[in-house]
């Protein structure tokens, strides 16, 4: 697998700038560090929540969870999603703000 060169990454940034699309990258500004840290932490938690949700679906399809476990996992995942959304709102973050741009790798989620 060939890694992108610096020139290629620079060209991608230039192309994004031409399209008028500001990349959603974590870029903490001194006046907005709390919001930036909240964005990063919530992004990681949302990523893990989605992984756990996929794992739960896989286990349900394989019938390795009881009905009681399915209900408990579903409720926990919904509560976690709601909590992420509520904390995000406190910092003025939308769900789209949690989908960080990883440069040449694309978006996180």
C-alpha atoms as a PDB file:
ATOM      1  CA  UNK A   1       0.000   0.000   0.000  1.00  0.00           C
ATOM      2  CA  UNK A   2       1.445   3.334  -1.051  1.00  0.00           C
ATOM      3  CA  UNK A   3       1.261   6.202   1.418  1.00  0.00           C
ATOM      4  CA  UNK A   4       0.243   9.636   0.064  1.00  0.00           C
ATOM      5  CA  UNK A   5       3.039  12.104  -0.389  1.00  0.00           C
ATOM      6  CA  UNK A   6       3.022  15.529   1.167  1.00  0.00           C
ATOM      7  CA  UNK A   7       2.385  17.070  -2.248  1.00  0.00           C
ATOM      8  CA  UNK A   8      -0.741  14.947  -2.707  1.00  0.00           C
ATOM      9  CA  UNK A   9      -2.057  15.899   0.719  1.00  0.00           C
ATOM     10  CA  UNK A  10      -1.406  19.560  -0.072  1.00  0.00           C
ATOM     11  CA  UNK A  11      -3.266  19.213  -3.379  1.00  0.00           C
ATOM     12  CA  UNK A  12      -6.246  17.665  -1.576  1.00  0.00           C
ATOM     13  CA  UNK A  13      -6.312  20.551   0.872  1.00  0.00           C
ATOM     14  CA  UNK A  14      -6.128  23.022  -2.013  1.00  0.00           C
ATOM     15  CA  UNK A  15      -8.981  21.236  -3.810  1.00  0.00           C
ATOM     16  CA  UNK A  16     -11.116  21.340  -0.644  1.00  0.00           C
ATOM     17  CA  UNK A  17     -10.399  25.051  -0.263  1.00  0.00           C
ATOM     18  CA  UNK A  18     -11.412  25.685  -3.896  1.00  0.00           C
ATOM     19  CA  UNK A  19     -14.724  23.901  -3.325  1.00  0.00           C
ATOM     20  CA  UNK A  20     -15.315  26.224  -0.397  1.00  0.00           C
ATOM     21  CA  UNK A  21     -15.471  23.254   1.958  1.00  0.00           C
ATOM     22  CA  UNK A  22     -13.720  23.824   5.236  1.00  0.00           C
ATOM     23  CA  UNK A  23     -12.379  20.493   6.442  1.00  0.00           C
ATOM     24  CA  UNK A  24     -13.795  19.353   9.773  1.00  0.00           C
ATOM     25  CA  UNK A  25     -10.496  18.765  11.519  1.00  0.00           C
ATOM     26  CA  UNK A  26      -9.773  19.055  15.192  1.00  0.00           C
ATOM     27  CA  UNK A  27      -7.962  22.351  15.446  1.00  0.00           C
ATOM     28  CA  UNK A  28      -8.005  23.736  18.987  1.00  0.00           C
ATOM     29  CA  UNK A  29      -7.927  27.488  19.203  1.00  0.00           C
ATOM     30  CA  UNK A  30      -6.781  29.003  22.472  1.00  0.00           C
ATOM     31  CA  UNK A  31     -10.087  30.862  22.910  1.00  0.00           C
ATOM     32  CA  UNK A  32     -12.122  27.703  22.244  1.00  0.00           C
ATOM     33  CA  UNK A  33     -10.148  24.859  23.829  1.00  0.00           C
ATOM     34  CA  UNK A  34     -13.070  23.488  25.868  1.00  0.00           C
ATOM     35  CA  UNK A  35     -15.278  23.173  22.794  1.00  0.00           C
ATOM     36  CA  UNK A  36     -12.467  21.576  20.804  1.00  0.00           C
ATOM     37  CA  UNK A  37     -11.713  19.059  23.543  1.00  0.00           C
ATOM     38  CA  UNK A  38     -15.430  18.275  23.904  1.00  0.00           C
ATOM     39  CA  UNK A  39     -15.607  17.731  20.131  1.00  0.00           C
ATOM     40  CA  UNK A  40     -12.666  15.331  20.198  1.00  0.00           C
ATOM     41  CA  UNK A  41     -13.903  13.375  23.233  1.00  0.00           C
ATOM     42  CA  UNK A  42     -17.473  13.151  21.925  1.00  0.00           C
ATOM     43  CA  UNK A  43     -16.170  12.022  18.528  1.00  0.00           C
ATOM     44  CA  UNK A  44     -14.272   9.163  20.151  1.00  0.00           C
ATOM     45  CA  UNK A  45     -17.254   8.190  22.323  1.00  0.00           C
ATOM     46  CA  UNK A  46     -19.629   8.286  19.311  1.00  0.00           C
ATOM     47  CA  UNK A  47     -17.209   6.149  17.295  1.00  0.00           C
ATOM     48  CA  UNK A  48     -17.075   3.579  20.112  1.00  0.00           C
ATOM     49  CA  UNK A  49     -20.883   3.687  20.493  1.00  0.00           C
ATOM     50  CA  UNK A  50     -21.287   2.831  16.821  1.00  0.00           C
ATOM     51  CA  UNK A  51     -18.825  -0.044  17.162  1.00  0.00           C
ATOM     52  CA  UNK A  52     -20.732  -1.395  20.179  1.00  0.00           C
ATOM     53  CA  UNK A  53     -24.014  -1.050  18.282  1.00  0.00           C
ATOM     54  CA  UNK A  54     -22.639  -3.088  15.363  1.00  0.00           C
ATOM     55  CA  UNK A  55     -21.339  -5.715  17.782  1.00  0.00           C
ATOM     56  CA  UNK A  56     -24.740  -5.900  19.477  1.00  0.00           C
ATOM     57  CA  UNK A  57     -26.492  -6.317  16.112  1.00  0.00           C
ATOM     58  CA  UNK A  58     -24.085  -9.078  15.148  1.00  0.00           C
ATOM     59  CA  UNK A  59     -24.706 -10.856  18.451  1.00  0.00           C
ATOM     60  CA  UNK A  60     -28.482 -10.503  18.045  1.00  0.00           C
ATOM     61  CA  UNK A  61     -28.303 -11.972  14.547  1.00  0.00           C
ATOM     62  CA  UNK A  62     -26.260 -14.889  15.891  1.00  0.00           C
ATOM     63  CA  UNK A  63     -28.766 -15.271  18.725  1.00  0.00           C
ATOM     64  CA  UNK A  64     -26.096 -15.103  21.436  1.00  0.00           C
ATOM     65  CA  UNK A  65     -28.062 -12.585  23.523  1.00  0.00           C
ATOM     66  CA  UNK A  66     -31.165 -13.240  25.594  1.00  0.00           C
ATOM     67  CA  UNK A  67     -34.208 -11.007  25.154  1.00  0.00           C
ATOM     68  CA  UNK A  68     -33.375  -9.346  28.447  1.00  0.00           C
ATOM     69  CA  UNK A  69     -29.801  -8.643  27.296  1.00  0.00           C
ATOM     70  CA  UNK A  70     -31.047  -7.281  23.959  1.00  0.00           C
ATOM     71  CA  UNK A  71     -33.370  -4.883  25.791  1.00  0.00           C
ATOM     72  CA  UNK A  72     -30.611  -3.790  28.193  1.00  0.00           C
ATOM     73  CA  UNK A  73     -28.060  -3.228  25.405  1.00  0.00           C
ATOM     74  CA  UNK A  74     -30.598  -1.325  23.298  1.00  0.00           C
ATOM     75  CA  UNK A  75     -31.561   0.917  26.187  1.00  0.00           C
ATOM     76  CA  UNK A  76     -27.917   1.564  27.122  1.00  0.00           C
ATOM     77  CA  UNK A  77     -26.987   2.476  23.531  1.00  0.00           C
ATOM     78  CA  UNK A  78     -29.976   4.813  23.188  1.00  0.00           C
ATOM     79  CA  UNK A  79     -29.111   6.501  26.496  1.00  0.00           C
ATOM     80  CA  UNK A  80     -25.491   6.897  25.415  1.00  0.00           C
ATOM     81  CA  UNK A  81     -26.560   8.393  22.070  1.00  0.00           C
ATOM     82  CA  UNK A  82     -28.864  10.841  23.855  1.00  0.00           C
ATOM     83  CA  UNK A  83     -26.113  11.783  26.313  1.00  0.00           C
ATOM     84  CA  UNK A  84     -23.649  12.445  23.481  1.00  0.00           C
ATOM     85  CA  UNK A  85     -26.235  14.643  21.751  1.00  0.00           C
ATOM     86  CA  UNK A  86     -27.036  16.564  24.976  1.00  0.00           C
ATOM     87  CA  UNK A  87     -23.394  17.225  25.835  1.00  0.00           C
ATOM     88  CA  UNK A  88     -22.762  18.249  22.220  1.00  0.00           C
ATOM     89  CA  UNK A  89     -25.601  20.774  22.397  1.00  0.00           C
ATOM     90  CA  UNK A  90     -24.036  22.331  25.510  1.00  0.00           C
ATOM     91  CA  UNK A  91     -20.941  23.064  23.432  1.00  0.00           C
ATOM     92  CA  UNK A  92     -22.836  24.038  20.263  1.00  0.00           C
ATOM     93  CA  UNK A  93     -21.840  20.835  18.436  1.00  0.00           C
ATOM     94  CA  UNK A  94     -24.000  19.059  15.890  1.00  0.00           C
ATOM     95  CA  UNK A  95     -23.706  15.365  14.972  1.00  0.00           C
ATOM     96  CA  UNK A  96     -21.919  16.459  11.781  1.00  0.00           C
ATOM     97  CA  UNK A  97     -19.264  18.180  13.907  1.00  0.00           C
ATOM     98  CA  UNK A  98     -18.340  14.773  15.357  1.00  0.00           C
ATOM     99  CA  UNK A  99     -17.412  13.350  11.952  1.00  0.00           C
ATOM    100  CA  UNK A 100     -13.806  14.519  11.789  1.00  0.00           C
ATOM    101  CA  UNK A 101     -11.927  14.843   8.517  1.00  0.00           C
ATOM    102  CA  UNK A 102      -8.879  12.571   8.634  1.00  0.00           C
ATOM    103  CA  UNK A 103      -7.240  14.219   5.639  1.00  0.00           C
ATOM    104  CA  UNK A 104      -6.291  11.742   2.913  1.00  0.00           C
ATOM    105  CA  UNK A 105      -8.064   8.926   4.815  1.00  0.00           C
ATOM    106  CA  UNK A 106     -11.437  10.633   4.476  1.00  0.00           C
ATOM    107  CA  UNK A 107     -14.066  11.168   7.154  1.00  0.00           C
ATOM    108  CA  UNK A 108     -14.031   9.161  10.374  1.00  0.00           C
ATOM    109  CA  UNK A 109     -17.630   7.922  10.197  1.00  0.00           C
END
